[in-house]
Amino acid sequence: MNAKPTPPKTLTVHAQLEIIPLSHDFSSERHEGMSVLQKSVLLGLGALLLCGNVAQADFIYVANAFNNTIVRFDSSGTQTVFANSGLATPQGLAFDANGNLYAANMGNGTIEEFDSSGHGSVYVQGFPALSGPVGLAFDPSGNLYVGNTGNSTVTRCNSMGQLRYVSSGLDYPWGLACDSSGNLYVANALNNTIERFVGREQGSLFASTGLSQPGGLAFDHNGNLFVANTGNNTIEEFNSSGVGFVFANTGLNRPSGLAFDSAGNLYVANSGNSTIEVFDSGGHGSVFASGFRNPSFIAVLAVPEPATWAVVTLGLGGVFGLRRARSELS
């Protein structure tokens, strides 16, 4: 087994902060050959440009199906219990655009919503629209898709909590994923296929080779689809045309949920031996954590490191300095 992937380097920003009174005369003062206005603008623009390159901290969330909990790992690898109420055989996990976590309760046919502190409430429920829900995925418009293993359907839930069927006639839909264009992909665990739904159209076959009880789905940053093959302990990678190859075949034991972090590492929930395996972009894996209770699905939330907030603050300071200077000069 290869070494654990090296975490991304953190960008550290050092800057001197000069406090400028609101009554300052930007039009006249110069300092070391540069006016305060120029310094303010350059600092702000430089900081804003840096914002896209600062490090992010990844928080890893894992659903434990057997003890009805969700655990969280922070960027240092410290594990805590995120939620232990409102859960009934939790399966799929998905974050909305506001950082709220949604969990599919396979045991009672509900979707639970959690805020960042782990406080939960029922987001939506209702049989038969929800029947043995497992996979979850948000599209770019904020619609939540649910894979129902109880009646082999997929349900769409809008931001108002209104449910409607997207498709029926699937075959035990397990994992779901949406690409950047909003197309939905569904893993049919019992007939070893991946179905793709483009917009409001009826689904069509995306892939049918290299699959064995396909479970969790996840897209990497390049738009390639990764599939957990629970039946043969492999991870299959497919390009946008549906051409696939084996990405990983070691360190896996009935793999289920998949999720990528911001550095492109792939996390895999091994339901067979209750471990989480992490793979780098080359398919080299190592054990990330163990001691779970049938880990089913994984979700990753990326938040900016503290240095990022300092950069953003400096950038905004420069922008506001420019606006203040324009006001003083007018």
C-alpha atoms as a PDB file:
ATOM      1  CA  MET A   1       0.000   0.000   0.000  1.00  0.00           C
ATOM      2  CA  ASN A   2       1.373   3.393  -0.894  1.00  0.00           C
ATOM      3  CA  ALA A   3       1.728   6.395   1.386  1.00  0.00           C
ATOM      4  CA  LYS A   4      -1.213   8.714   2.081  1.00  0.00           C
ATOM      5  CA  PRO A   5      -1.426  11.595  -0.426  1.00  0.00           C
ATOM      6  CA  THR A   6       0.397  14.712   0.720  1.00  0.00           C
ATOM      7  CA  PRO A   7      -2.053  17.487   1.634  1.00  0.00           C
ATOM      8  CA  PRO A   8      -1.913  20.703  -0.427  1.00  0.00           C
ATOM      9  CA  LYS A   9       0.484  23.381   0.762  1.00  0.00           C
ATOM     10  CA  THR A  10      -1.060  26.304   2.571  1.00  0.00           C
ATOM     11  CA  LEU A  11      -0.385  29.771   1.219  1.00  0.00           C
ATOM     12  CA  THR A  12       0.601  32.141   4.026  1.00  0.00           C
ATOM     13  CA  VAL A  13       0.055  35.836   3.405  1.00  0.00           C
ATOM     14  CA  HIS A  14       2.082  38.440   5.322  1.00  0.00           C
ATOM     15  CA  ALA A  15       1.079  42.063   5.035  1.00  0.00           C
ATOM     16  CA  GLN A  16       1.337  45.296   6.943  1.00  0.00           C
ATOM     17  CA  LEU A  17      -1.993  46.896   7.623  1.00  0.00           C
ATOM     18  CA  GLU A  18      -2.019  50.681   7.584  1.00  0.00           C
ATOM     19  CA  ILE A  19      -4.980  52.274   9.347  1.00  0.00           C
ATOM     20  CA  ILE A  20      -6.266  55.199   7.306  1.00  0.00           C
ATOM     21  CA  PRO A  21      -8.749  57.612   8.906  1.00  0.00           C
ATOM     22  CA  LEU A  22     -11.923  58.178   6.936  1.00  0.00           C
ATOM     23  CA  SER A  23     -11.091  61.886   6.842  1.00  0.00           C
ATOM     24  CA  HIS A  24      -7.729  61.232   5.222  1.00  0.00           C
ATOM     25  CA  ASP A  25      -6.796  63.397   2.214  1.00  0.00           C
ATOM     26  CA  PHE A  26      -6.000  60.822  -0.474  1.00  0.00           C
ATOM     27  CA  SER A  27      -5.356  63.451  -3.091  1.00  0.00           C
ATOM     28  CA  SER A  28      -2.305  65.005  -1.444  1.00  0.00           C
ATOM     29  CA  GLU A  29      -0.367  62.517   0.689  1.00  0.00           C
ATOM     30  CA  ARG A  30       2.395  60.384  -0.732  1.00  0.00           C
ATOM     31  CA  HIS A  31       4.472  57.843   1.126  1.00  0.00           C
ATOM     32  CA  GLU A  32       7.763  56.344  -0.092  1.00  0.00           C
ATOM     33  CA  GLY A  33       7.085  57.481  -3.630  1.00  0.00           C
ATOM     34  CA  MET A  34       3.582  56.005  -3.773  1.00  0.00           C
ATOM     35  CA  SER A  35       0.321  57.641  -2.800  1.00  0.00           C
ATOM     36  CA  VAL A  36      -1.953  56.016  -0.265  1.00  0.00           C
ATOM     37  CA  LEU A  37      -4.523  55.663  -3.039  1.00  0.00           C
ATOM     38  CA  GLN A  38      -2.069  53.735  -5.213  1.00  0.00           C
ATOM     39  CA  LYS A  39      -1.017  51.534  -2.329  1.00  0.00           C
ATOM     40  CA  SER A  40      -4.622  50.827  -1.421  1.00  0.00           C
ATOM     41  CA  VAL A  41      -5.573  49.888  -4.974  1.00  0.00           C
ATOM     42  CA  LEU A  42      -2.503  47.699  -5.535  1.00  0.00           C
ATOM     43  CA  LEU A  43      -2.956  45.924  -2.218  1.00  0.00           C
ATOM     44  CA  GLY A  44      -6.613  45.304  -2.906  1.00  0.00           C
ATOM     45  CA  LEU A  45      -6.141  44.048  -6.460  1.00  0.00           C
ATOM     46  CA  GLY A  46      -3.209  41.866  -5.500  1.00  0.00           C
ATOM     47  CA  ALA A  47      -5.105  40.332  -2.628  1.00  0.00           C
ATOM     48  CA  LEU A  48      -8.161  39.629  -4.749  1.00  0.00           C
ATOM     49  CA  LEU A  49      -6.002  37.941  -7.396  1.00  0.00           C
ATOM     50  CA  LEU A  50      -4.447  35.735  -4.733  1.00  0.00           C
ATOM     51  CA  CYS A  51      -7.819  34.597  -3.451  1.00  0.00           C
ATOM     52  CA  GLY A  52      -8.165  31.964  -6.167  1.00  0.00           C
ATOM     53  CA  ASN A  53      -4.898  30.266  -5.137  1.00  0.00           C
ATOM     54  CA  VAL A  54      -5.108  30.064  -1.358  1.00  0.00           C
ATOM     55  CA  ALA A  55      -5.494  26.707   0.355  1.00  0.00           C
ATOM     56  CA  GLN A  56      -8.805  25.203   1.337  1.00  0.00           C
ATOM     57  CA  ALA A  57      -9.534  23.077   4.378  1.00  0.00           C
ATOM     58  CA  ASP A  58     -11.546  19.949   3.646  1.00  0.00           C
ATOM     59  CA  PHE A  59     -14.011  18.505   6.141  1.00  0.00           C
ATOM     60  CA  ILE A  60     -14.853  14.844   5.511  1.00  0.00           C
ATOM     61  CA  TYR A  61     -18.325  13.588   6.524  1.00  0.00           C
ATOM     62  CA  VAL A  62     -19.134   9.870   6.769  1.00  0.00           C
ATOM     63  CA  ALA A  63     -22.548   8.245   7.298  1.00  0.00           C
ATOM     64  CA  ASN A  64     -22.492   5.220   9.633  1.00  0.00           C
ATOM     65  CA  ALA A  65     -25.470   3.138   8.568  1.00  0.00           C
ATOM     66  CA  PHE A  66     -25.337   0.673  11.481  1.00  0.00           C
ATOM     67  CA  ASN A  67     -25.251   3.112  14.415  1.00  0.00           C
ATOM     68  CA  ASN A  68     -27.206   6.014  12.896  1.00  0.00           C
ATOM     69  CA  THR A  69     -24.513   8.666  13.142  1.00  0.00           C
ATOM     70  CA  ILE A  70     -22.594  11.027  10.896  1.00  0.00           C
ATOM     71  CA  VAL A  71     -18.982  11.668  11.840  1.00  0.00           C
ATOM     72  CA  ARG A  72     -16.778  14.530  10.669  1.00  0.00           C
ATOM     73  CA  PHE A  73     -13.028  14.789  10.124  1.00  0.00           C
ATOM     74  CA  ASP A  74     -11.454  18.253  10.148  1.00  0.00           C
ATOM     75  CA  SER A  75      -8.424  19.251   8.077  1.00  0.00           C
ATOM     76  CA  SER A  76      -6.064  17.839  10.728  1.00  0.00           C
ATOM     77  CA  GLY A  77      -7.811  14.445  10.679  1.00  0.00           C
ATOM     78  CA  THR A  78      -9.523  14.851  14.050  1.00  0.00           C
ATOM     79  CA  GLN A  79     -12.780  12.893  14.214  1.00  0.00           C
ATOM     80  CA  THR A  80     -15.924  14.110  15.980  1.00  0.00           C
ATOM     81  CA  VAL A  81     -19.575  13.067  15.962  1.00  0.00           C
ATOM     82  CA  PHE A  82     -21.413  15.580  13.777  1.00  0.00           C
ATOM     83  CA  ALA A  83     -24.933  14.214  14.221  1.00  0.00           C
ATOM     84  CA  ASN A  84     -26.531  11.341  16.140  1.00  0.00           C
ATOM     85  CA  SER A  85     -30.220  12.212  16.080  1.00  0.00           C
ATOM     86  CA  GLY A  86     -32.831  12.264  13.330  1.00  0.00           C
ATOM     87  CA  LEU A  87     -31.063   9.437  11.489  1.00  0.00           C
ATOM     88  CA  ALA A  88     -32.370   5.999  10.478  1.00  0.00           C
ATOM     89  CA  THR A  89     -29.890   3.879   8.511  1.00  0.00           C
ATOM     90  CA  PRO A  90     -28.335   6.988   6.893  1.00  0.00           C
ATOM     91  CA  GLN A  91     -27.017   6.536   3.383  1.00  0.00           C
ATOM     92  CA  GLY A  92     -26.457   9.282   0.805  1.00  0.00           C
ATOM     93  CA  LEU A  93     -24.980  12.642   1.859  1.00  0.00           C
ATOM     94  CA  ALA A  94     -24.971  15.891  -0.106  1.00  0.00           C
ATOM     95  CA  PHE A  95     -24.233  19.561   0.601  1.00  0.00           C
ATOM     96  CA  ASP A  96     -26.283  22.433  -0.780  1.00  0.00           C
ATOM     97  CA  ALA A  97     -24.764  25.747  -1.878  1.00  0.00           C
ATOM     98  CA  ASN A  98     -25.116  27.158   1.652  1.00  0.00           C
ATOM     99  CA  GLY A  99     -23.160  24.376   3.313  1.00  0.00           C
ATOM    100  CA  ASN A 100     -26.166  22.560   4.790  1.00  0.00           C
ATOM    101  CA  LEU A 101     -25.827  18.782   4.839  1.00  0.00           C
ATOM    102  CA  TYR A 102     -28.618  16.471   3.674  1.00  0.00           C
ATOM    103  CA  ALA A 103     -28.813  12.794   4.612  1.00  0.00           C
ATOM    104  CA  ALA A 104     -31.001  10.075   3.101  1.00  0.00           C
ATOM    105  CA  ASN A 105     -32.661   7.994   5.819  1.00  0.00           C
ATOM    106  CA  MET A 106     -33.168   4.636   4.184  1.00  0.00           C
ATOM    107  CA  GLY A 107     -34.759   3.270   7.352  1.00  0.00           C
ATOM    108  CA  ASN A 108     -37.725   5.654   7.576  1.00  0.00           C
ATOM    109  CA  GLY A 109     -38.029   7.187   4.115  1.00  0.00           C
ATOM    110  CA  THR A 110     -37.054  10.761   4.995  1.00  0.00           C
ATOM    111  CA  ILE A 111     -34.407  13.311   4.075  1.00  0.00           C
ATOM    112  CA  GLU A 112     -32.839  15.081   7.046  1.00  0.00           C
ATOM    113  CA  GLU A 113     -31.229  18.527   6.769  1.00  0.00           C
ATOM    114  CA  PHE A 114     -28.406  19.606   9.109  1.00  0.00           C
ATOM    115  CA  ASP A 115     -26.905  23.048   9.632  1.00  0.00           C
ATOM    116  CA  SER A 116     -23.164  23.546  10.143  1.00  0.00           C
ATOM    117  CA  SER A 117     -23.502  22.801  13.879  1.00  0.00           C
ATOM    118  CA  GLY A 118     -25.176  19.435  13.332  1.00  0.00           C
ATOM    119  CA  HIS A 119     -28.679  20.542  14.278  1.00  0.00           C
ATOM    120  CA  GLY A 120     -31.139  18.643  12.102  1.00  0.00           C
ATOM    121  CA  SER A 121     -34.735  18.655  10.991  1.00  0.00           C
ATOM    122  CA  VAL A 122     -36.816  16.702   8.514  1.00  0.00           C
ATOM    123  CA  TYR A 123     -36.432  18.360   5.110  1.00  0.00           C
ATOM    124  CA  VAL A 124     -38.897  16.209   3.197  1.00  0.00           C
ATOM    125  CA  GLN A 125     -40.809  12.976   3.640  1.00  0.00           C
ATOM    126  CA  GLY A 126     -43.646  11.116   1.981  1.00  0.00           C
ATOM    127  CA  PHE A 127     -44.290   7.631   0.653  1.00  0.00           C
ATOM    128  CA  PRO A 128     -44.271   6.557  -2.154  1.00  0.00           C
ATOM    129  CA  ALA A 129     -42.332   9.544  -3.499  1.00  0.00           C
ATOM    130  CA  LEU A 130     -39.612   8.552  -1.044  1.00  0.00           C
ATOM    131  CA  SER A 131     -39.153   4.807  -0.649  1.00  0.00           C
ATOM    132  CA  GLY A 132     -35.890   3.441   0.679  1.00  0.00           C
ATOM    133  CA  PRO A 133     -33.954   6.604  -0.292  1.00  0.00           C
ATOM    134  CA  VAL A 134     -30.218   6.094  -0.739  1.00  0.00           C
ATOM    135  CA  GLY A 135     -28.336   8.267  -3.220  1.00  0.00           C
ATOM    136  CA  LEU A 136     -28.506  12.082  -3.123  1.00  0.00           C
ATOM    137  CA  ALA A 137     -27.239  14.732  -5.530  1.00  0.00           C
ATOM    138  CA  PHE A 138     -27.791  18.459  -6.041  1.00  0.00           C
ATOM    139  CA  ASP A 139     -27.837  20.014  -9.518  1.00  0.00           C
ATOM    140  CA  PRO A 140     -26.431  23.528 -10.164  1.00  0.00           C
ATOM    141  CA  SER A 141     -29.942  25.001  -9.778  1.00  0.00           C
ATOM    142  CA  GLY A 142     -30.314  23.681  -6.234  1.00  0.00           C
ATOM    143  CA  ASN A 143     -32.708  20.810  -6.967  1.00  0.00           C
ATOM    144  CA  LEU A 144     -32.118  17.718  -4.852  1.00  0.00           C
ATOM    145  CA  TYR A 145     -32.339  14.310  -6.532  1.00  0.00           C
ATOM    146  CA  VAL A 146     -33.078  11.158  -4.544  1.00  0.00           C
ATOM    147  CA  GLY A 147     -32.546   7.552  -5.612  1.00  0.00           C
ATOM    148  CA  ASN A 148     -35.357   5.360  -4.239  1.00  0.00           C
ATOM    149  CA  THR A 149     -34.345   1.726  -3.891  1.00  0.00           C
ATOM    150  CA  GLY A 150     -37.788   0.730  -2.584  1.00  0.00           C
ATOM    151  CA  ASN A 151     -39.601   1.426  -5.854  1.00  0.00           C
ATOM    152  CA  SER A 152     -36.687   1.929  -8.293  1.00  0.00           C
ATOM    153  CA  THR A 153     -37.441   5.567  -9.033  1.00  0.00           C
ATOM    154  CA  VAL A 154     -35.646   8.901  -8.865  1.00  0.00           C
ATOM    155  CA  THR A 155     -37.399  11.851  -7.260  1.00  0.00           C
ATOM    156  CA  ARG A 156     -36.577  15.527  -7.658  1.00  0.00           C
ATOM    157  CA  CYS A 157     -37.146  17.890  -4.733  1.00  0.00           C
ATOM    158  CA  ASN A 158     -37.072  21.636  -5.420  1.00  0.00           C
ATOM    159  CA  SER A 159     -36.075  24.342  -2.936  1.00  0.00           C
ATOM    160  CA  MET A 160     -39.663  24.484  -1.637  1.00  0.00           C
ATOM    161  CA  GLY A 161     -39.584  20.801  -0.706  1.00  0.00           C
ATOM    162  CA  GLN A 162     -41.970  19.793  -3.490  1.00  0.00           C
ATOM    163  CA  LEU A 163     -41.457  16.270  -4.836  1.00  0.00           C
ATOM    164  CA  ARG A 164     -41.961  14.876  -8.303  1.00  0.00           C
ATOM    165  CA  TYR A 165     -40.798  11.765 -10.125  1.00  0.00           C
ATOM    166  CA  VAL A 166     -37.970  12.126 -12.623  1.00  0.00           C
ATOM    167  CA  SER A 167     -37.893   8.536 -13.766  1.00  0.00           C
ATOM    168  CA  SER A 168     -39.277   5.114 -13.013  1.00  0.00           C
ATOM    169  CA  GLY A 169     -38.355   1.682 -14.297  1.00  0.00           C
ATOM    170  CA  LEU A 170     -34.812   1.822 -12.942  1.00  0.00           C
ATOM    171  CA  ASP A 171     -33.198  -1.154 -11.245  1.00  0.00           C
ATOM    172  CA  TYR A 172     -32.338  -0.449  -7.605  1.00  0.00           C
ATOM    173  CA  PRO A 173     -30.844   3.033  -8.137  1.00  0.00           C
ATOM    174  CA  TRP A 174     -28.068   3.466  -5.595  1.00  0.00           C
ATOM    175  CA  GLY A 175     -25.570   6.227  -6.317  1.00  0.00           C
ATOM    176  CA  LEU A 176     -26.424   9.566  -7.952  1.00  0.00           C
ATOM    177  CA  ALA A 177     -24.275  12.409  -9.272  1.00  0.00           C
ATOM    178  CA  CYS A 178     -24.810  15.579 -11.305  1.00  0.00           C
ATOM    179  CA  ASP A 179     -22.208  16.985 -13.680  1.00  0.00           C
ATOM    180  CA  SER A 180     -21.427  20.695 -14.048  1.00  0.00           C
ATOM    181  CA  SER A 181     -24.126  21.032 -16.735  1.00  0.00           C
ATOM    182  CA  GLY A 182     -26.819  19.632 -14.461  1.00  0.00           C
ATOM    183  CA  ASN A 183     -27.087  16.241 -16.155  1.00  0.00           C
ATOM    184  CA  LEU A 184     -28.033  13.476 -13.736  1.00  0.00           C
ATOM    185  CA  TYR A 185     -26.260  10.098 -13.569  1.00  0.00           C
ATOM    186  CA  VAL A 186     -27.819   7.111 -11.837  1.00  0.00           C
ATOM    187  CA  ALA A 187     -26.144   3.814 -10.885  1.00  0.00           C
ATOM    188  CA  ASN A 188     -28.479   0.836 -11.356  1.00  0.00           C
ATOM    189  CA  ALA A 189     -27.029  -1.603  -8.864  1.00  0.00           C
ATOM    190  CA  LEU A 190     -28.964  -4.674  -9.999  1.00  0.00           C
ATOM    191  CA  ASN A 191     -28.481  -4.468 -13.774  1.00  0.00           C
ATOM    192  CA  ASN A 192     -24.934  -3.066 -13.796  1.00  0.00           C
ATOM    193  CA  THR A 193     -25.577   0.091 -15.789  1.00  0.00           C
ATOM    194  CA  ILE A 194     -25.215   3.846 -15.456  1.00  0.00           C
ATOM    195  CA  GLU A 195     -28.099   5.904 -16.817  1.00  0.00           C
ATOM    196  CA  ARG A 196     -27.796   9.569 -17.793  1.00  0.00           C
ATOM    197  CA  PHE A 197     -30.621  12.128 -17.812  1.00  0.00           C
ATOM    198  CA  VAL A 198     -30.010  15.249 -19.886  1.00  0.00           C
ATOM    199  CA  GLY A 199     -32.261  18.118 -18.847  1.00  0.00           C
ATOM    200  CA  ARG A 200     -35.897  17.008 -18.786  1.00  0.00           C
ATOM    201  CA  GLU A 201     -35.375  14.220 -21.290  1.00  0.00           C
ATOM    202  CA  GLN A 202     -35.871  10.528 -20.656  1.00  0.00           C
ATOM    203  CA  GLY A 203     -32.756   8.745 -19.477  1.00  0.00           C
ATOM    204  CA  SER A 204     -30.372   6.939 -21.794  1.00  0.00           C
ATOM    205  CA  LEU A 205     -27.631   4.388 -21.260  1.00  0.00           C
ATOM    206  CA  PHE A 206     -24.283   5.984 -20.381  1.00  0.00           C
ATOM    207  CA  ALA A 207     -22.229   2.894 -19.514  1.00  0.00           C
ATOM    208  CA  SER A 208     -22.759  -0.846 -19.207  1.00  0.00           C
ATOM    209  CA  THR A 209     -19.253  -2.319 -19.240  1.00  0.00           C
ATOM    210  CA  GLY A 210     -16.775  -2.599 -16.394  1.00  0.00           C
ATOM    211  CA  LEU A 211     -19.572  -2.451 -13.822  1.00  0.00           C
ATOM    212  CA  SER A 212     -20.414  -4.857 -10.997  1.00  0.00           C
ATOM    213  CA  GLN A 213     -23.146  -3.767  -8.597  1.00  0.00           C
ATOM    214  CA  PRO A 214     -22.315  -0.088  -9.117  1.00  0.00           C
ATOM    215  CA  GLY A 215     -22.834   2.031  -6.012  1.00  0.00           C
ATOM    216  CA  GLY A 216     -21.468   5.482  -5.259  1.00  0.00           C
ATOM    217  CA  LEU A 217     -20.750   7.982  -8.045  1.00  0.00           C
ATOM    218  CA  ALA A 218     -18.526  11.071  -8.049  1.00  0.00           C
ATOM    219  CA  PHE A 219     -17.109  13.481 -10.636  1.00  0.00           C
ATOM    220  CA  ASP A 220     -13.525  14.699 -10.487  1.00  0.00           C
ATOM    221  CA  HIS A 221     -12.465  18.247 -11.364  1.00  0.00           C
ATOM    222  CA  ASN A 222     -11.991  17.241 -15.015  1.00  0.00           C
ATOM    223  CA  GLY A 223     -15.529  15.929 -15.453  1.00  0.00           C
ATOM    224  CA  ASN A 224     -14.648  12.231 -15.356  1.00  0.00           C
ATOM    225  CA  LEU A 225     -17.146   9.976 -13.583  1.00  0.00           C
ATOM    226  CA  PHE A 226     -15.909   7.514 -10.932  1.00  0.00           C
ATOM    227  CA  VAL A 227     -17.983   4.499  -9.935  1.00  0.00           C
ATOM    228  CA  ALA A 228     -17.652   2.233  -6.898  1.00  0.00           C
ATOM    229  CA  ASN A 229     -18.090  -1.376  -7.992  1.00  0.00           C
ATOM    230  CA  THR A 230     -19.374  -3.063  -4.848  1.00  0.00           C
ATOM    231  CA  GLY A 231     -19.505  -6.458  -6.544  1.00  0.00           C
ATOM    232  CA  ASN A 232     -15.856  -6.788  -7.581  1.00  0.00           C
ATOM    233  CA  ASN A 233     -14.033  -4.321  -5.303  1.00  0.00           C
ATOM    234  CA  THR A 234     -12.865  -1.881  -7.950  1.00  0.00           C
ATOM    235  CA  ILE A 235     -13.258   1.775  -8.826  1.00  0.00           C
ATOM    236  CA  GLU A 236     -14.058   2.409 -12.489  1.00  0.00           C
ATOM    237  CA  GLU A 237     -13.346   5.754 -14.193  1.00  0.00           C
ATOM    238  CA  PHE A 238     -15.352   6.912 -17.237  1.00  0.00           C
ATOM    239  CA  ASN A 239     -14.733   9.831 -19.557  1.00  0.00           C
ATOM    240  CA  SER A 240     -17.566  11.998 -20.887  1.00  0.00           C
ATOM    241  CA  SER A 241     -18.176   9.508 -23.725  1.00  0.00           C
ATOM    242  CA  GLY A 242     -18.729   6.590 -21.369  1.00  0.00           C
ATOM    243  CA  VAL A 243     -15.386   4.911 -22.075  1.00  0.00           C
ATOM    244  CA  GLY A 244     -14.093   3.391 -18.856  1.00  0.00           C
ATOM    245  CA  PHE A 245     -11.076   1.748 -17.267  1.00  0.00           C
ATOM    246  CA  VAL A 246     -10.126   0.479 -13.822  1.00  0.00           C
ATOM    247  CA  PHE A 247      -8.853   3.321 -11.648  1.00  0.00           C
ATOM    248  CA  ALA A 248      -8.157   1.272  -8.510  1.00  0.00           C
ATOM    249  CA  ASN A 249      -8.448  -2.380  -7.467  1.00  0.00           C
ATOM    250  CA  THR A 250      -6.549  -2.555  -4.174  1.00  0.00           C
ATOM    251  CA  GLY A 251      -7.504  -1.572  -0.644  1.00  0.00           C
ATOM    252  CA  LEU A 252     -11.209  -1.975  -1.409  1.00  0.00           C
ATOM    253  CA  ASN A 253     -13.810  -4.062   0.402  1.00  0.00           C
ATOM    254  CA  ARG A 254     -17.349  -3.653  -0.858  1.00  0.00           C
ATOM    255  CA  PRO A 255     -16.817   0.020  -1.740  1.00  0.00           C
ATOM    256  CA  SER A 256     -19.908   2.189  -1.573  1.00  0.00           C
ATOM    257  CA  GLY A 257     -19.801   5.988  -1.302  1.00  0.00           C
ATOM    258  CA  LEU A 258     -17.272   8.183  -3.124  1.00  0.00           C
ATOM    259  CA  ALA A 259     -16.224  11.825  -2.743  1.00  0.00           C
ATOM    260  CA  PHE A 260     -13.385  14.042  -3.964  1.00  0.00           C
ATOM    261  CA  ASP A 261     -11.606  16.644  -1.868  1.00  0.00           C
ATOM    262  CA  SER A 262     -10.415  20.006  -3.189  1.00  0.00           C
ATOM    263  CA  ALA A 263      -6.958  18.582  -3.982  1.00  0.00           C
ATOM    264  CA  GLY A 264      -8.394  15.837  -6.204  1.00  0.00           C
ATOM    265  CA  ASN A 265      -7.972  12.936  -3.760  1.00  0.00           C
ATOM    266  CA  LEU A 266     -10.750  10.338  -3.865  1.00  0.00           C
ATOM    267  CA  TYR A 267     -12.265   9.042  -0.610  1.00  0.00           C
ATOM    268  CA  VAL A 268     -13.991   5.655  -0.652  1.00  0.00           C
ATOM    269  CA  ALA A 269     -16.270   4.157   2.004  1.00  0.00           C
ATOM    270  CA  ASN A 270     -15.494   0.454   2.395  1.00  0.00           C
ATOM    271  CA  SER A 271     -18.697  -1.009   3.786  1.00  0.00           C
ATOM    272  CA  GLY A 272     -17.166  -4.503   3.952  1.00  0.00           C
ATOM    273  CA  ASN A 273     -14.417  -3.735   6.482  1.00  0.00           C
ATOM    274  CA  SER A 274     -15.641  -0.389   7.858  1.00  0.00           C
ATOM    275  CA  THR A 275     -12.726   1.710   6.650  1.00  0.00           C
ATOM    276  CA  ILE A 276     -12.235   4.812   4.527  1.00  0.00           C
ATOM    277  CA  GLU A 277      -9.606   4.530   1.799  1.00  0.00           C
ATOM    278  CA  VAL A 278      -8.110   7.594   0.103  1.00  0.00           C
ATOM    279  CA  PHE A 279      -6.561   7.533  -3.387  1.00  0.00           C
ATOM    280  CA  ASP A 280      -4.392  10.107  -5.112  1.00  0.00           C
ATOM    281  CA  SER A 281      -4.895  10.999  -8.779  1.00  0.00           C
ATOM    282  CA  GLY A 282      -2.676   8.077  -9.810  1.00  0.00           C
ATOM    283  CA  GLY A 283      -4.844   5.489  -8.062  1.00  0.00           C
ATOM    284  CA  HIS A 284      -2.422   4.909  -5.185  1.00  0.00           C
ATOM    285  CA  GLY A 285      -4.345   4.328  -1.985  1.00  0.00           C
ATOM    286  CA  SER A 286      -3.960   4.194   1.773  1.00  0.00           C
ATOM    287  CA  VAL A 287      -6.242   3.834   4.789  1.00  0.00           C
ATOM    288  CA  PHE A 288      -7.576   7.224   5.879  1.00  0.00           C
ATOM    289  CA  ALA A 289      -9.577   6.032   8.894  1.00  0.00           C
ATOM    290  CA  SER A 290     -11.089   2.886  10.396  1.00  0.00           C
ATOM    291  CA  GLY A 291     -13.451   1.786  13.157  1.00  0.00           C
ATOM    292  CA  PHE A 292     -16.728   2.792  11.501  1.00  0.00           C
ATOM    293  CA  ARG A 293     -20.071   1.000  11.620  1.00  0.00           C
ATOM    294  CA  ASN A 294     -20.781   0.113   7.995  1.00  0.00           C
ATOM    295  CA  PRO A 295     -19.786   3.425   6.400  1.00  0.00           C
ATOM    296  CA  SER A 296     -22.129   3.986   3.494  1.00  0.00           C
ATOM    297  CA  PHE A 297     -21.571   7.382   1.887  1.00  0.00           C
ATOM    298  CA  ILE A 298     -19.115  10.290   2.108  1.00  0.00           C
ATOM    299  CA  ALA A 299     -19.383  14.015   1.489  1.00  0.00           C
ATOM    300  CA  VAL A 300     -16.653  16.662   1.483  1.00  0.00           C
ATOM    301  CA  LEU A 301     -17.098  20.315   2.410  1.00  0.00           C
ATOM    302  CA  ALA A 302     -14.261  22.648   1.400  1.00  0.00           C
ATOM    303  CA  VAL A 303     -13.878  25.892   3.349  1.00  0.00           C
ATOM    304  CA  PRO A 304     -11.132  28.526   2.975  1.00  0.00           C
ATOM    305  CA  GLU A 305      -8.191  28.366   5.356  1.00  0.00           C
ATOM    306  CA  PRO A 306      -7.840  31.311   7.786  1.00  0.00           C
ATOM    307  CA  ALA A 307      -5.261  32.923   5.487  1.00  0.00           C
ATOM    308  CA  THR A 308      -7.941  33.163   2.808  1.00  0.00           C
ATOM    309  CA  TRP A 309     -10.148  35.336   4.987  1.00  0.00           C
ATOM    310  CA  ALA A 310      -7.178  37.644   5.624  1.00  0.00           C
ATOM    311  CA  VAL A 311      -6.610  37.944   1.894  1.00  0.00           C
ATOM    312  CA  VAL A 312     -10.277  38.655   1.227  1.00  0.00           C
ATOM    313  CA  THR A 313     -10.296  41.294   3.961  1.00  0.00           C
ATOM    314  CA  LEU A 314      -7.257  42.991   2.459  1.00  0.00           C
ATOM    315  CA  GLY A 315      -8.822  42.862  -0.983  1.00  0.00           C
ATOM    316  CA  LEU A 316     -12.034  44.418   0.205  1.00  0.00           C
ATOM    317  CA  GLY A 317     -10.030  47.012   2.094  1.00  0.00           C
ATOM    318  CA  GLY A 318      -8.335  48.008  -1.122  1.00  0.00           C
ATOM    319  CA  VAL A 319     -11.614  48.254  -2.977  1.00  0.00           C
ATOM    320  CA  PHE A 320     -13.228  50.351  -0.260  1.00  0.00           C
ATOM    321  CA  GLY A 321     -10.108  52.500  -0.155  1.00  0.00           C
ATOM    322  CA  LEU A 322     -10.490  53.163  -3.860  1.00  0.00           C
ATOM    323  CA  ARG A 323     -14.153  54.084  -3.464  1.00  0.00           C
ATOM    324  CA  ARG A 324     -13.321  56.378  -0.528  1.00  0.00           C
ATOM    325  CA  ALA A 325     -10.523  57.994  -2.511  1.00  0.00           C
ATOM    326  CA  ARG A 326     -12.824  58.656  -5.454  1.00  0.00           C
ATOM    327  CA  SER A 327     -15.303  60.241  -3.101  1.00  0.00           C
ATOM    328  CA  GLU A 328     -12.634  62.485  -1.600  1.00  0.00           C
ATOM    329  CA  LEU A 329     -11.329  63.523  -5.023  1.00  0.00           C
ATOM    330  CA  SER A 330     -14.743  64.323  -6.475  1.00  0.00           C
END
